[in-house]
Amino acid sequence: MNPLREHVEKLFAGYKQTRQVRELKEEILGNLEAKVADLTAEGMEYGEAVKAAKAGMASVDGLIEGQMHYDAAKYREELMQTALLYCLIAWIVTIPMRLVGVAGQLSLLLPLIALLLGIIYLIVRGSATGENRRNETWDQAAAERSRKLAWIVWGIFVLAMTASTTALHMGSNIWFGRPLHISGPYQFGVLAANYVWPLVTVIVPLLFNASVRLKYKHGAGAGYVD
């Protein structure tokens, strides 16, 4: 392979091959070839001219709009740790709800998810140091869109569940204009639990938040504030 082409391919090895990246690769390759031609015209040996051209283009960081590098191993380690913590907190919140027969399946599912996350965390933690560490790129705009979409979907879900609970427990009272009657603490607990349990799923959009924050933390934009 052409040594300049090989150098350009190495420069872009960690980047997603978008149209912008492909165009930039060709532009940089053309600039390097022109640089070598100029140096050889001035009397420099071809090999030395290639080395000089390579030295002048050692990195493309900052040239690709919206893409940044981050330490993938450290990011995954901390993301798994955060997911495990969120899952355990959500599980603790659902435990009292089981007393009134609400969110029982969710309360049983969450510790199983936490166990799986714990195993993954231990595996990922071992790759966060040593030879397995590597940098990857991420698209800031796409990540921000995904985060906003996660919150929108979660908001729609919570509104739908709230409307469903209201219709199920109070629909006839509202329709016929009758006052709401709660017979005792148990019925109040059931009603409250049915309204509260969908909020536990907030851990999902929070993980999207954490993902973006941790990529900034372990990348070039460490000054990011959520």
C-alpha atoms as a PDB file:
ATOM      1  CA  MET A   1       0.000   0.000   0.000  1.00  0.00           C
ATOM      2  CA  ASN A   2       1.076   3.564  -0.670  1.00  0.00           C
ATOM      3  CA  PRO A   3       2.828   4.695   2.563  1.00  0.00           C
ATOM      4  CA  LEU A   4       0.838   7.927   2.590  1.00  0.00           C
ATOM      5  CA  ARG A   5      -2.446   6.085   2.064  1.00  0.00           C
ATOM      6  CA  GLU A   6      -1.492   3.685   4.862  1.00  0.00           C
ATOM      7  CA  HIS A   7      -0.730   6.623   7.171  1.00  0.00           C
ATOM      8  CA  VAL A   8      -4.098   8.239   6.411  1.00  0.00           C
ATOM      9  CA  GLU A   9      -5.932   4.960   7.068  1.00  0.00           C
ATOM     10  CA  LYS A  10      -4.218   4.705  10.469  1.00  0.00           C
ATOM     11  CA  LEU A  11      -5.187   8.290  11.315  1.00  0.00           C
ATOM     12  CA  PHE A  12      -8.866   7.474  10.734  1.00  0.00           C
ATOM     13  CA  ALA A  13      -8.805   3.937  12.134  1.00  0.00           C
ATOM     14  CA  GLY A  14     -11.051   4.760  15.095  1.00  0.00           C
ATOM     15  CA  TYR A  15     -13.604   6.837  13.219  1.00  0.00           C
ATOM     16  CA  LYS A  16     -16.922   5.779  11.737  1.00  0.00           C
ATOM     17  CA  GLN A  17     -16.594   5.829   7.948  1.00  0.00           C
ATOM     18  CA  THR A  18     -19.135   8.534   7.174  1.00  0.00           C
ATOM     19  CA  ARG A  19     -19.205  10.584   3.986  1.00  0.00           C
ATOM     20  CA  GLN A  20     -17.521  13.442   5.837  1.00  0.00           C
ATOM     21  CA  VAL A  21     -14.707  11.143   6.979  1.00  0.00           C
ATOM     22  CA  ARG A  22     -14.157   9.684   3.500  1.00  0.00           C
ATOM     23  CA  GLU A  23     -13.977  13.154   1.945  1.00  0.00           C
ATOM     24  CA  LEU A  24     -11.576  14.347   4.640  1.00  0.00           C
ATOM     25  CA  LYS A  25      -9.354  11.284   4.100  1.00  0.00           C
ATOM     26  CA  GLU A  26      -9.029  12.055   0.400  1.00  0.00           C
ATOM     27  CA  GLU A  27      -8.343  15.721   1.115  1.00  0.00           C
ATOM     28  CA  ILE A  28      -5.599  14.914   3.630  1.00  0.00           C
ATOM     29  CA  LEU A  29      -4.082  12.307   1.302  1.00  0.00           C
ATOM     30  CA  GLY A  30      -3.963  14.883  -1.489  1.00  0.00           C
ATOM     31  CA  ASN A  31      -2.302  17.409   0.829  1.00  0.00           C
ATOM     32  CA  LEU A  32       0.305  14.863   1.934  1.00  0.00           C
ATOM     33  CA  GLU A  33       1.091  13.886  -1.652  1.00  0.00           C
ATOM     34  CA  ALA A  34       1.473  17.557  -2.577  1.00  0.00           C
ATOM     35  CA  LYS A  35       3.754  18.062   0.430  1.00  0.00           C
ATOM     36  CA  VAL A  36       5.951  15.121  -0.609  1.00  0.00           C
ATOM     37  CA  ALA A  37       6.091  16.411  -4.184  1.00  0.00           C
ATOM     38  CA  ASP A  38       7.215  19.840  -2.971  1.00  0.00           C
ATOM     39  CA  LEU A  39       9.889  18.384  -0.694  1.00  0.00           C
ATOM     40  CA  THR A  40      11.277  16.058  -3.363  1.00  0.00           C
ATOM     41  CA  ALA A  41      11.324  18.965  -5.833  1.00  0.00           C
ATOM     42  CA  GLU A  42      13.519  20.809  -3.331  1.00  0.00           C
ATOM     43  CA  GLY A  43      15.997  17.923  -3.410  1.00  0.00           C
ATOM     44  CA  MET A  44      14.881  15.813  -0.423  1.00  0.00           C
ATOM     45  CA  GLU A  45      14.944  12.022  -0.733  1.00  0.00           C
ATOM     46  CA  TYR A  46      11.487  10.476  -1.247  1.00  0.00           C
ATOM     47  CA  GLY A  47      11.647   8.433   1.965  1.00  0.00           C
ATOM     48  CA  GLU A  48      12.639  11.457   4.022  1.00  0.00           C
ATOM     49  CA  ALA A  49       9.918  13.539   2.362  1.00  0.00           C
ATOM     50  CA  VAL A  50       7.306  10.926   3.287  1.00  0.00           C
ATOM     51  CA  LYS A  51       8.508  10.924   6.910  1.00  0.00           C
ATOM     52  CA  ALA A  52       8.366  14.723   7.056  1.00  0.00           C
ATOM     53  CA  ALA A  53       4.854  14.771   5.585  1.00  0.00           C
ATOM     54  CA  LYS A  54       3.675  12.150   8.086  1.00  0.00           C
ATOM     55  CA  ALA A  55       5.179  14.096  10.979  1.00  0.00           C
ATOM     56  CA  GLY A  56       3.240  17.162   9.887  1.00  0.00           C
ATOM     57  CA  MET A  57      -0.057  15.256  10.108  1.00  0.00           C
ATOM     58  CA  ALA A  58       0.188  13.112  13.232  1.00  0.00           C
ATOM     59  CA  SER A  59      -3.470  13.357  14.289  1.00  0.00           C
ATOM     60  CA  VAL A  60      -6.893  14.326  12.933  1.00  0.00           C
ATOM     61  CA  ASP A  61      -8.433  15.014  16.344  1.00  0.00           C
ATOM     62  CA  GLY A  62     -10.608  18.101  16.143  1.00  0.00           C
ATOM     63  CA  LEU A  63     -10.892  18.016  12.349  1.00  0.00           C
ATOM     64  CA  ILE A  64     -14.056  15.908  12.339  1.00  0.00           C
ATOM     65  CA  GLU A  65     -17.048  17.911  13.495  1.00  0.00           C
ATOM     66  CA  GLY A  66     -19.091  16.380  16.301  1.00  0.00           C
ATOM     67  CA  GLN A  67     -16.793  13.416  16.960  1.00  0.00           C
ATOM     68  CA  MET A  68     -14.546  12.950  19.984  1.00  0.00           C
ATOM     69  CA  HIS A  69     -12.335  10.248  21.422  1.00  0.00           C
ATOM     70  CA  TYR A  70     -13.012   8.599  24.775  1.00  0.00           C
ATOM     71  CA  ASP A  71     -11.427   5.827  26.834  1.00  0.00           C
ATOM     72  CA  ALA A  72     -13.818   2.975  26.025  1.00  0.00           C
ATOM     73  CA  ALA A  73     -12.709   0.651  28.836  1.00  0.00           C
ATOM     74  CA  LYS A  74     -12.990   3.234  31.623  1.00  0.00           C
ATOM     75  CA  TYR A  75     -16.299   4.444  30.189  1.00  0.00           C
ATOM     76  CA  ARG A  76     -17.810   0.942  30.171  1.00  0.00           C
ATOM     77  CA  GLU A  77     -16.534   0.217  33.671  1.00  0.00           C
ATOM     78  CA  GLU A  78     -18.106   3.338  35.155  1.00  0.00           C
ATOM     79  CA  LEU A  79     -21.312   2.990  33.117  1.00  0.00           C
ATOM     80  CA  MET A  80     -21.825  -0.581  34.386  1.00  0.00           C
ATOM     81  CA  GLN A  81     -21.148   0.617  37.934  1.00  0.00           C
ATOM     82  CA  THR A  82     -23.723   3.396  37.522  1.00  0.00           C
ATOM     83  CA  ALA A  83     -26.290   1.030  35.993  1.00  0.00           C
ATOM     84  CA  LEU A  84     -25.800  -1.409  38.878  1.00  0.00           C
ATOM     85  CA  LEU A  85     -26.305   1.360  41.442  1.00  0.00           C
ATOM     86  CA  TYR A  86     -29.455   2.647  39.715  1.00  0.00           C
ATOM     87  CA  CYS A  87     -30.868  -0.868  39.482  1.00  0.00           C
ATOM     88  CA  LEU A  88     -30.299  -1.556  43.184  1.00  0.00           C
ATOM     89  CA  ILE A  89     -31.935   1.744  44.166  1.00  0.00           C
ATOM     90  CA  ALA A  90     -34.928   0.976  41.939  1.00  0.00           C
ATOM     91  CA  TRP A  91     -35.223  -2.485  43.502  1.00  0.00           C
ATOM     92  CA  ILE A  92     -35.216  -1.021  47.033  1.00  0.00           C
ATOM     93  CA  VAL A  93     -37.966   1.422  46.018  1.00  0.00           C
ATOM     94  CA  THR A  94     -40.175  -1.406  44.713  1.00  0.00           C
ATOM     95  CA  ILE A  95     -39.864  -3.609  47.821  1.00  0.00           C
ATOM     96  CA  PRO A  96     -42.588  -1.773  49.850  1.00  0.00           C
ATOM     97  CA  MET A  97     -44.899  -1.931  46.826  1.00  0.00           C
ATOM     98  CA  ARG A  98     -44.961  -5.722  47.039  1.00  0.00           C
ATOM     99  CA  LEU A  99     -46.801  -5.391  50.361  1.00  0.00           C
ATOM    100  CA  VAL A 100     -49.824  -4.068  48.465  1.00  0.00           C
ATOM    101  CA  GLY A 101     -49.432  -6.410  45.509  1.00  0.00           C
ATOM    102  CA  VAL A 102     -48.076  -3.820  43.070  1.00  0.00           C
ATOM    103  CA  ALA A 103     -44.947  -4.125  40.874  1.00  0.00           C
ATOM    104  CA  GLY A 104     -44.265  -7.622  42.175  1.00  0.00           C
ATOM    105  CA  GLN A 105     -42.759  -8.867  38.910  1.00  0.00           C
ATOM    106  CA  LEU A 106     -40.621  -5.751  38.575  1.00  0.00           C
ATOM    107  CA  SER A 107     -39.375  -6.193  42.142  1.00  0.00           C
ATOM    108  CA  LEU A 108     -38.323  -9.762  41.302  1.00  0.00           C
ATOM    109  CA  LEU A 109     -36.786  -8.826  37.954  1.00  0.00           C
ATOM    110  CA  LEU A 110     -34.614  -5.949  39.191  1.00  0.00           C
ATOM    111  CA  PRO A 111     -32.327  -8.023  41.478  1.00  0.00           C
ATOM    112  CA  LEU A 112     -31.757 -10.474  38.613  1.00  0.00           C
ATOM    113  CA  ILE A 113     -30.791  -7.576  36.354  1.00  0.00           C
ATOM    114  CA  ALA A 114     -28.542  -6.227  39.133  1.00  0.00           C
ATOM    115  CA  LEU A 115     -26.831  -9.626  39.417  1.00  0.00           C
ATOM    116  CA  LEU A 116     -26.213  -9.716  35.662  1.00  0.00           C
ATOM    117  CA  LEU A 117     -24.891  -6.144  35.708  1.00  0.00           C
ATOM    118  CA  GLY A 118     -22.595  -7.043  38.592  1.00  0.00           C
ATOM    119  CA  ILE A 119     -21.097  -9.920  36.605  1.00  0.00           C
ATOM    120  CA  ILE A 120     -20.643  -7.711  33.538  1.00  0.00           C
ATOM    121  CA  TYR A 121     -19.072  -5.005  35.717  1.00  0.00           C
ATOM    122  CA  LEU A 122     -16.469  -7.435  37.077  1.00  0.00           C
ATOM    123  CA  ILE A 123     -15.624  -8.547  33.541  1.00  0.00           C
ATOM    124  CA  VAL A 124     -15.416  -4.992  32.201  1.00  0.00           C
ATOM    125  CA  ARG A 125     -13.389  -3.811  35.186  1.00  0.00           C
ATOM    126  CA  GLY A 126     -10.594  -6.209  34.252  1.00  0.00           C
ATOM    127  CA  SER A 127     -10.350  -4.686  30.778  1.00  0.00           C
ATOM    128  CA  ALA A 128     -10.146  -1.115  32.071  1.00  0.00           C
ATOM    129  CA  THR A 129      -6.415  -1.406  32.686  1.00  0.00           C
ATOM    130  CA  GLY A 130      -3.480  -2.736  30.736  1.00  0.00           C
ATOM    131  CA  GLU A 131      -3.280  -3.684  27.089  1.00  0.00           C
ATOM    132  CA  ASN A 132      -7.052  -3.907  26.553  1.00  0.00           C
ATOM    133  CA  ARG A 133      -7.529  -0.158  26.922  1.00  0.00           C
ATOM    134  CA  ARG A 134      -8.298   1.694  23.696  1.00  0.00           C
ATOM    135  CA  ASN A 135      -9.869   4.903  22.522  1.00  0.00           C
ATOM    136  CA  GLU A 136     -13.065   5.005  20.488  1.00  0.00           C
ATOM    137  CA  THR A 137     -14.977   7.840  18.866  1.00  0.00           C
ATOM    138  CA  TRP A 138     -18.517   9.021  19.449  1.00  0.00           C
ATOM    139  CA  ASP A 139     -20.847  11.415  17.708  1.00  0.00           C
ATOM    140  CA  GLN A 140     -21.896  14.114  20.168  1.00  0.00           C
ATOM    141  CA  ALA A 141     -24.950  15.214  18.180  1.00  0.00           C
ATOM    142  CA  ALA A 142     -26.266  11.652  17.827  1.00  0.00           C
ATOM    143  CA  ALA A 143     -25.702  10.973  21.534  1.00  0.00           C
ATOM    144  CA  GLU A 144     -27.578  14.128  22.524  1.00  0.00           C
ATOM    145  CA  ARG A 145     -30.469  13.197  20.218  1.00  0.00           C
ATOM    146  CA  SER A 146     -30.644   9.729  21.748  1.00  0.00           C
ATOM    147  CA  ARG A 147     -30.665  11.196  25.237  1.00  0.00           C
ATOM    148  CA  LYS A 148     -33.500  13.602  24.423  1.00  0.00           C
ATOM    149  CA  LEU A 149     -35.463  10.826  22.705  1.00  0.00           C
ATOM    150  CA  ALA A 150     -35.074   8.592  25.774  1.00  0.00           C
ATOM    151  CA  TRP A 151     -36.579  11.296  27.994  1.00  0.00           C
ATOM    152  CA  ILE A 152     -39.426  11.919  25.542  1.00  0.00           C
ATOM    153  CA  VAL A 153     -40.293   8.214  25.317  1.00  0.00           C
ATOM    154  CA  TRP A 154     -40.094   7.877  29.102  1.00  0.00           C
ATOM    155  CA  GLY A 155     -42.326  10.920  29.570  1.00  0.00           C
ATOM    156  CA  ILE A 156     -44.919   9.482  27.182  1.00  0.00           C
ATOM    157  CA  PHE A 157     -44.780   6.146  29.022  1.00  0.00           C
ATOM    158  CA  VAL A 158     -45.311   7.779  32.429  1.00  0.00           C
ATOM    159  CA  LEU A 159     -48.186   9.908  31.131  1.00  0.00           C
ATOM    160  CA  ALA A 160     -49.809   6.841  29.560  1.00  0.00           C
ATOM    161  CA  MET A 161     -49.468   4.807  32.770  1.00  0.00           C
ATOM    162  CA  THR A 162     -50.792   7.710  34.866  1.00  0.00           C
ATOM    163  CA  ALA A 163     -53.798   8.096  32.579  1.00  0.00           C
ATOM    164  CA  SER A 164     -54.387   4.334  32.666  1.00  0.00           C
ATOM    165  CA  THR A 165     -54.243   4.218  36.477  1.00  0.00           C
ATOM    166  CA  THR A 166     -56.562   7.215  36.763  1.00  0.00           C
ATOM    167  CA  ALA A 167     -59.061   5.676  34.356  1.00  0.00           C
ATOM    168  CA  LEU A 168     -58.943   2.309  36.116  1.00  0.00           C
ATOM    169  CA  HIS A 169     -59.308   3.551  39.691  1.00  0.00           C
ATOM    170  CA  MET A 170     -61.199   6.829  39.289  1.00  0.00           C
ATOM    171  CA  GLY A 171     -62.711   6.756  35.819  1.00  0.00           C
ATOM    172  CA  SER A 172     -66.291   6.113  36.867  1.00  0.00           C
ATOM    173  CA  ASN A 173     -66.104   8.681  39.676  1.00  0.00           C
ATOM    174  CA  ILE A 174     -64.811  11.320  37.282  1.00  0.00           C
ATOM    175  CA  TRP A 175     -67.325  10.407  34.581  1.00  0.00           C
ATOM    176  CA  PHE A 176     -70.350  10.510  36.857  1.00  0.00           C
ATOM    177  CA  GLY A 177     -69.045  13.382  38.983  1.00  0.00           C
ATOM    178  CA  ARG A 178     -68.931  11.344  42.176  1.00  0.00           C
ATOM    179  CA  PRO A 179     -66.405  12.123  44.941  1.00  0.00           C
ATOM    180  CA  LEU A 180     -63.446   9.778  45.237  1.00  0.00           C
ATOM    181  CA  HIS A 181     -63.777   7.409  48.170  1.00  0.00           C
ATOM    182  CA  ILE A 182     -60.759   5.624  49.658  1.00  0.00           C
ATOM    183  CA  SER A 183     -61.845   2.984  52.147  1.00  0.00           C
ATOM    184  CA  GLY A 184     -58.631   2.835  54.155  1.00  0.00           C
ATOM    185  CA  PRO A 185     -54.810   2.886  54.291  1.00  0.00           C
ATOM    186  CA  TYR A 186     -54.485  -0.292  52.218  1.00  0.00           C
ATOM    187  CA  GLN A 187     -56.518   1.063  49.314  1.00  0.00           C
ATOM    188  CA  PHE A 188     -54.583   4.325  49.525  1.00  0.00           C
ATOM    189  CA  GLY A 189     -51.324   2.345  49.429  1.00  0.00           C
ATOM    190  CA  VAL A 190     -52.468   0.409  46.357  1.00  0.00           C
ATOM    191  CA  LEU A 191     -53.463   3.619  44.581  1.00  0.00           C
ATOM    192  CA  ALA A 192     -50.226   5.410  45.494  1.00  0.00           C
ATOM    193  CA  ALA A 193     -48.088   2.437  44.453  1.00  0.00           C
ATOM    194  CA  ASN A 194     -49.808   2.254  41.067  1.00  0.00           C
ATOM    195  CA  TYR A 195     -48.945   5.908  40.473  1.00  0.00           C
ATOM    196  CA  VAL A 196     -45.379   5.626  41.761  1.00  0.00           C
ATOM    197  CA  TRP A 197     -44.050   2.425  40.198  1.00  0.00           C
ATOM    198  CA  PRO A 198     -43.809   3.787  36.606  1.00  0.00           C
ATOM    199  CA  LEU A 199     -41.489   6.501  37.949  1.00  0.00           C
ATOM    200  CA  VAL A 200     -38.995   3.777  38.880  1.00  0.00           C
ATOM    201  CA  THR A 201     -38.261   3.363  35.170  1.00  0.00           C
ATOM    202  CA  VAL A 202     -36.581   6.792  35.233  1.00  0.00           C
ATOM    203  CA  ILE A 203     -33.344   4.819  35.554  1.00  0.00           C
ATOM    204  CA  VAL A 204     -33.500   4.205  31.783  1.00  0.00           C
ATOM    205  CA  PRO A 205     -33.242   7.861  30.629  1.00  0.00           C
ATOM    206  CA  LEU A 206     -30.874   8.517  33.538  1.00  0.00           C
ATOM    207  CA  LEU A 207     -28.538   5.913  32.050  1.00  0.00           C
ATOM    208  CA  PHE A 208     -28.625   7.773  28.732  1.00  0.00           C
ATOM    209  CA  ASN A 209     -27.631  10.900  30.694  1.00  0.00           C
ATOM    210  CA  ALA A 210     -24.845   8.990  32.410  1.00  0.00           C
ATOM    211  CA  SER A 211     -23.602   7.606  29.092  1.00  0.00           C
ATOM    212  CA  VAL A 212     -23.133  11.084  27.615  1.00  0.00           C
ATOM    213  CA  ARG A 213     -21.635  12.472  30.828  1.00  0.00           C
ATOM    214  CA  LEU A 214     -19.120   9.622  31.134  1.00  0.00           C
ATOM    215  CA  LYS A 215     -18.021   9.904  27.517  1.00  0.00           C
ATOM    216  CA  TYR A 216     -17.195  13.549  28.165  1.00  0.00           C
ATOM    217  CA  LYS A 217     -15.504  12.639  31.442  1.00  0.00           C
ATOM    218  CA  HIS A 218     -13.243  10.019  29.867  1.00  0.00           C
ATOM    219  CA  GLY A 219     -12.656  11.931  26.663  1.00  0.00           C
ATOM    220  CA  ALA A 220     -11.442  15.315  25.500  1.00  0.00           C
ATOM    221  CA  GLY A 221     -14.370  17.216  26.989  1.00  0.00           C
ATOM    222  CA  ALA A 222     -13.778  16.495  30.643  1.00  0.00           C
ATOM    223  CA  GLY A 223     -15.243  19.853  31.614  1.00  0.00           C
ATOM    224  CA  TYR A 224     -18.795  18.801  30.728  1.00  0.00           C
ATOM    225  CA  VAL A 225     -21.438  19.478  33.358  1.00  0.00           C
ATOM    226  CA  ASP A 226     -24.761  17.588  33.208  1.00  0.00           C
END
